[in-house]
Amino acid sequence: MEALWQKLVSGSSNFTLFALWPTIVVNLTWLGSGLFCLWLDSLPSLRKYKIQQHDNGTVEFWRCMRHSVRNKLISEIQLTFESYRLFVWLGISTSLPLPSVTTVLLSLVFCLVVEDAWHYFAHRTLHIRWAMDNIHYLHHHYMTPFGMASSYAHPAETIFTGFGTVLPMLILRPHLSTLLIWVVVKQLQATAVHCGYQFPWRPSRFLPFLVSASFHDRHHRRFNRNFAPNFVWLDRLLGTADEKNLGPRVTE
C-alpha cells in the first residue's frame, strides 16, 4: 500500500494532490452511489423497504443530476480549489508512513462530530424565512429524497454547509490519505440518508445515535425537524427531533 501511495504522490503538484484528487474522488463517489440508488429503485423486491412509495423516476433523476453538476462547478469544486492553499499552508502531509487504521478511524469520528455540529446550526439558519425562500428551498424541491439529490442545492448553501466538511481538516491537519477517505465517507453518508430506503441492516439499527435515511426523510416532509446530518443527539437535545413512525409508508 505504501509503495502504491509513493507512486501516486511522486511528482504530483500541490494542486493535483489537494485540489484535483479530492474533487475526483468525491464526485466519483457521488456519481457511483447515486447510480446505485437508482438501480435499487428498479428492484421490486426492495419496495417494502422504501420509506415513501412515490418514485421520482428517471426524468427527475437526470434533471437533478444536471442541476447538481452545475452546482458543483459553481460552488463545491470552487470551495475545494480555494481550500487547497490552506491545506498546503497548514502542512498536511503526503509522505510516508501512512497513518494507522486506528488513527484514521479516530480522525473520521472527530470529523463526523465537528461536521455534524456545523451542519446542524448552518441548516437551522437556512430555515430562517429569508434563507428558506431564497436559498434552501431548492434542496426541499424533492419531498421524496433519493441518493443523487444529496447535492441538489443552491450554490450558496453548498458553500455554507460544505465548509463543515473542510473545517475538521483545518483543525486536525491529517495525512492526505485521511482527507481523501473523509470526503468519500462524507459523500457516502450524504447519499445514504437521502436514499429513500430503510433497510433492516442499516447502521442506525445497531447504533441508534446515527441519523438514518428515515430520520432525514422526515425532514423533507416536515421541514422544521431533524436537521442534523450524522447524529441524532443535537436534534434530541435542542428539541427538533421527530422520530415517531419513521418506518416505510405503505401509502402516501
Protein backbone atom coordinates (compact mmCIF):
# COMPACT_ATOMS: atom_id res chain seq x y z
CA MET A 1 0.00 0.00 0.00
CA GLU A 2 2.78 2.43 0.90
CA ALA A 3 4.64 1.67 -2.35
CA LEU A 4 1.47 2.43 -4.32
CA TRP A 5 0.94 5.66 -2.39
CA GLN A 6 4.50 6.72 -3.07
CA LYS A 7 3.98 6.21 -6.80
CA LEU A 8 0.75 8.24 -6.72
CA VAL A 9 2.23 11.25 -4.96
CA SER A 10 5.65 11.23 -6.58
CA GLY A 11 5.99 14.16 -8.97
CA SER A 12 2.44 15.44 -8.34
CA SER A 13 1.92 19.15 -7.75
CA ASN A 14 0.18 20.52 -4.66
CA PHE A 15 -2.78 21.49 -6.83
CA THR A 16 -3.10 17.91 -8.07
CA LEU A 17 -2.81 16.44 -4.59
CA PHE A 18 -5.01 18.83 -2.63
CA ALA A 19 -7.49 20.09 -5.24
CA LEU A 20 -7.83 17.61 -8.10
CA TRP A 21 -7.68 14.40 -6.10
CA PRO A 22 -10.38 15.36 -3.57
CA THR A 23 -12.56 16.67 -6.40
CA ILE A 24 -12.20 13.47 -8.41
CA VAL A 25 -12.75 11.01 -5.57
CA VAL A 26 -15.76 12.81 -4.05
CA ASN A 27 -17.53 13.21 -7.38
CA LEU A 28 -16.89 9.65 -8.48
CA THR A 29 -18.34 8.59 -5.13
CA TRP A 30 -21.36 10.87 -5.61
CA LEU A 31 -22.00 9.57 -9.13
CA GLY A 32 -21.46 5.91 -8.28
CA SER A 33 -23.59 5.96 -5.14
CA GLY A 34 -26.32 7.96 -6.89
CA LEU A 35 -26.48 5.45 -9.75
CA PHE A 36 -26.53 2.62 -7.23
CA CYS A 37 -29.60 4.18 -5.58
CA LEU A 38 -31.25 4.48 -8.99
CA TRP A 39 -30.59 0.77 -9.52
CA LEU A 40 -32.23 0.00 -6.16
CA ASP A 41 -35.42 1.65 -7.43
CA SER A 42 -35.54 -0.91 -10.26
CA LEU A 43 -35.72 -3.89 -7.88
CA PRO A 44 -39.32 -4.79 -6.96
CA SER A 45 -38.14 -6.93 -4.05
CA LEU A 46 -36.89 -3.80 -2.27
CA ARG A 47 -40.15 -1.84 -2.48
CA LYS A 48 -41.11 -2.98 1.01
CA TYR A 49 -38.13 -1.08 2.39
CA LYS A 50 -38.95 2.17 0.60
CA ILE A 51 -39.80 4.92 3.08
CA GLN A 52 -42.23 6.66 0.71
CA GLN A 53 -43.91 4.84 -2.15
CA HIS A 54 -43.59 7.72 -4.59
CA ASP A 55 -40.95 7.31 -7.31
CA ASN A 56 -39.26 10.39 -8.75
CA GLY A 57 -38.44 8.48 -11.93
CA THR A 58 -35.54 8.71 -14.35
CA VAL A 59 -36.62 12.09 -15.77
CA GLU A 60 -36.31 13.71 -12.35
CA PHE A 61 -33.08 11.78 -11.77
CA TRP A 62 -31.41 13.31 -14.81
CA ARG A 63 -32.90 16.75 -14.03
CA CYS A 64 -31.42 16.51 -10.56
CA MET A 65 -28.09 15.35 -11.95
CA ARG A 66 -27.83 18.24 -14.43
CA HIS A 67 -28.56 20.80 -11.73
CA SER A 68 -26.15 19.14 -9.29
CA VAL A 69 -23.31 19.13 -11.82
CA ARG A 70 -23.84 22.85 -12.47
CA ASN A 71 -23.92 23.47 -8.74
CA LYS A 72 -20.72 21.52 -8.22
CA LEU A 73 -18.93 23.50 -10.92
CA ILE A 74 -20.07 26.80 -9.40
CA SER A 75 -19.64 26.08 -5.70
CA GLU A 76 -18.35 22.72 -4.45
CA ILE A 77 -15.37 22.45 -6.77
CA GLN A 78 -14.55 26.12 -6.28
CA LEU A 79 -14.58 25.62 -2.50
CA THR A 80 -12.22 22.66 -2.86
CA PHE A 81 -9.88 24.55 -5.16
CA GLU A 82 -9.74 27.51 -2.78
CA SER A 83 -9.21 25.26 0.26
CA TYR A 84 -6.16 23.53 -1.19
CA ARG A 85 -3.98 26.56 -0.47
CA LEU A 86 -4.97 26.32 3.18
CA PHE A 87 -4.13 22.61 3.24
CA VAL A 88 -0.68 23.31 1.80
CA TRP A 89 -0.11 26.21 4.22
CA LEU A 90 -1.16 24.06 7.18
CA GLY A 91 1.35 21.41 6.17
CA ILE A 92 -0.95 18.45 5.57
CA SER A 93 1.40 15.55 4.98
CA THR A 94 1.64 13.40 1.86
CA SER A 95 4.73 11.49 2.90
CA LEU A 96 5.22 8.04 4.37
CA PRO A 97 4.42 6.35 6.65
CA LEU A 98 0.68 6.22 6.11
CA PRO A 99 -1.45 6.69 9.23
CA SER A 100 -2.57 3.60 11.13
CA VAL A 101 -6.10 2.27 10.89
CA THR A 102 -6.74 3.43 14.46
CA THR A 103 -5.60 6.96 13.63
CA VAL A 104 -7.81 7.07 10.54
CA LEU A 105 -10.87 5.80 12.42
CA LEU A 106 -10.42 8.26 15.29
CA SER A 107 -9.94 11.07 12.78
CA LEU A 108 -13.15 10.11 10.99
CA VAL A 109 -15.11 10.12 14.27
CA PHE A 110 -13.77 13.59 15.06
CA CYS A 111 -14.65 14.80 11.55
CA LEU A 112 -18.20 13.44 11.77
CA VAL A 113 -18.79 15.11 15.14
CA VAL A 114 -17.42 18.51 14.04
CA GLU A 115 -19.21 18.44 10.69
CA ASP A 116 -22.45 17.37 12.37
CA ALA A 117 -22.37 20.37 14.72
CA TRP A 118 -21.54 22.84 11.94
CA HIS A 119 -24.17 21.42 9.62
CA TYR A 120 -26.89 21.33 12.28
CA PHE A 121 -26.65 25.05 13.08
CA ALA A 122 -25.99 26.05 9.46
CA HIS A 123 -29.03 24.02 8.41
CA ARG A 124 -31.23 25.66 11.03
CA THR A 125 -30.01 29.05 9.83
CA LEU A 126 -31.11 28.13 6.31
CA HIS A 127 -34.63 27.61 7.66
CA ILE A 128 -34.94 31.27 8.61
CA ARG A 129 -37.66 32.65 6.33
CA TRP A 130 -35.41 34.71 4.01
CA ALA A 131 -32.83 31.94 3.62
CA MET A 132 -35.52 29.32 3.06
CA ASP A 133 -37.28 31.41 0.41
CA ASN A 134 -34.12 32.39 -1.45
CA ILE A 135 -31.62 29.56 -0.91
CA HIS A 136 -32.70 26.39 0.88
CA TYR A 137 -35.99 25.96 -0.99
CA LEU A 138 -34.06 24.26 -3.80
CA HIS A 139 -32.97 21.33 -1.64
CA HIS A 140 -36.56 20.89 -0.48
CA HIS A 141 -37.81 20.59 -4.04
CA TYR A 142 -37.82 16.84 -3.51
CA MET A 143 -40.12 15.81 -0.68
CA THR A 144 -39.26 12.21 -1.54
CA PRO A 145 -35.45 12.17 -1.35
CA PHE A 146 -33.23 9.94 -3.48
CA GLY A 147 -29.48 9.41 -3.49
CA MET A 148 -28.46 11.85 -6.22
CA ALA A 149 -30.49 14.63 -4.55
CA SER A 150 -27.92 14.91 -1.76
CA SER A 151 -26.18 17.54 -3.94
CA TYR A 152 -29.34 19.23 -5.24
CA ALA A 153 -28.94 22.64 -3.61
CA HIS A 154 -28.26 26.31 -4.14
CA PRO A 155 -24.54 27.15 -4.60
CA ALA A 156 -24.63 29.39 -1.51
CA GLU A 157 -25.97 26.50 0.56
CA THR A 158 -23.31 24.15 -0.76
CA ILE A 159 -20.55 26.54 0.27
CA PHE A 160 -22.14 27.38 3.65
CA THR A 161 -22.88 23.83 4.77
CA GLY A 162 -19.95 22.36 2.84
CA PHE A 163 -17.48 24.33 4.94
CA GLY A 164 -18.34 21.85 7.68
CA THR A 165 -16.55 19.18 5.66
CA VAL A 166 -13.44 21.36 5.36
CA LEU A 167 -13.43 22.59 8.97
CA PRO A 168 -12.25 19.38 10.71
CA MET A 169 -9.45 19.11 8.16
CA LEU A 170 -8.27 22.59 9.13
CA ILE A 171 -8.34 21.61 12.82
CA LEU A 172 -6.76 18.16 12.55
CA ARG A 173 -4.36 18.70 9.66
CA PRO A 174 -4.39 14.95 8.93
CA HIS A 175 -2.47 12.99 6.35
CA LEU A 176 -3.73 13.50 2.80
CA SER A 177 -4.86 9.87 2.66
CA THR A 178 -7.12 10.50 5.66
CA LEU A 179 -8.51 13.62 3.97
CA LEU A 180 -9.41 11.60 0.88
CA ILE A 181 -11.04 8.86 2.97
CA TRP A 182 -13.01 11.54 4.85
CA VAL A 183 -14.53 13.16 1.76
CA VAL A 184 -15.54 9.73 0.44
CA VAL A 185 -17.13 8.75 3.77
CA LYS A 186 -18.98 12.07 3.98
CA GLN A 187 -20.35 11.74 0.45
CA LEU A 188 -21.47 8.15 1.05
CA GLN A 189 -23.18 9.25 4.26
CA ALA A 190 -24.96 12.11 2.47
CA THR A 191 -26.17 9.74 -0.26
CA ALA A 192 -27.24 7.14 2.29
CA VAL A 193 -29.51 9.50 4.27
CA HIS A 194 -31.15 10.61 1.00
CA CYS A 195 -31.50 7.11 -0.47
CA GLY A 196 -35.20 6.76 0.43
CA TYR A 197 -34.89 3.25 1.91
CA GLN A 198 -34.92 1.91 5.45
CA PHE A 199 -33.15 -1.42 5.33
CA PRO A 200 -33.07 -3.84 8.29
CA TRP A 201 -29.25 -3.90 8.10
CA ARG A 202 -28.89 -0.11 8.31
CA PRO A 203 -26.14 1.03 10.72
CA SER A 204 -28.58 3.14 12.78
CA ARG A 205 -30.43 -0.02 13.80
CA PHE A 206 -27.34 -1.14 15.72
CA LEU A 207 -26.01 2.33 16.56
CA PRO A 208 -29.19 4.29 17.35
CA PHE A 209 -27.38 7.62 17.74
CA LEU A 210 -26.74 7.67 13.97
CA VAL A 211 -29.01 9.52 11.56
CA SER A 212 -30.90 7.13 9.27
CA ALA A 213 -32.49 7.68 5.89
CA SER A 214 -35.92 7.64 7.54
CA PHE A 215 -34.82 10.29 10.07
CA HIS A 216 -33.70 12.64 7.30
CA ASP A 217 -36.65 11.72 5.09
CA ARG A 218 -38.88 13.15 7.82
CA HIS A 219 -37.07 16.49 7.46
CA HIS A 220 -38.01 16.63 3.78
CA ARG A 221 -41.67 16.15 4.73
CA ARG A 222 -41.68 18.19 7.95
CA PHE A 223 -39.21 21.00 7.33
CA ASN A 224 -38.66 22.19 10.90
CA ARG A 225 -37.48 18.88 12.35
CA ASN A 226 -34.44 16.55 12.08
CA PHE A 227 -31.75 18.99 10.96
CA ALA A 228 -28.60 17.02 11.81
CA PRO A 229 -26.81 15.00 9.10
CA ASN A 230 -24.82 12.41 11.08
CA PHE A 231 -26.01 12.03 14.67
CA VAL A 232 -29.40 12.47 16.32
CA TRP A 233 -28.22 13.92 19.62
CA LEU A 234 -28.32 17.63 18.74
CA ASP A 235 -31.88 17.30 17.46
CA ARG A 236 -32.85 15.46 20.64
CA LEU A 237 -31.03 17.89 22.90
CA LEU A 238 -32.44 21.01 21.24
CA GLY A 239 -35.99 19.75 20.76
CA THR A 240 -36.04 19.39 16.97
CA ALA A 241 -36.16 15.60 16.74
CA ASP A 242 -39.19 13.86 15.27
CA GLU A 243 -38.68 10.10 15.47
CA LYS A 244 -42.25 8.78 15.56
CA ASN A 245 -43.21 6.15 12.99
CA LEU A 246 -40.10 6.53 10.85
CA GLY A 247 -40.57 3.25 9.01
CA PRO A 248 -41.63 2.69 5.39
CA ARG A 249 -45.04 4.12 4.47
CA VAL A 250 -47.41 1.78 2.71
CA THR A 251 -49.43 4.63 1.19
CA GLU A 252 -48.88 8.30 0.56
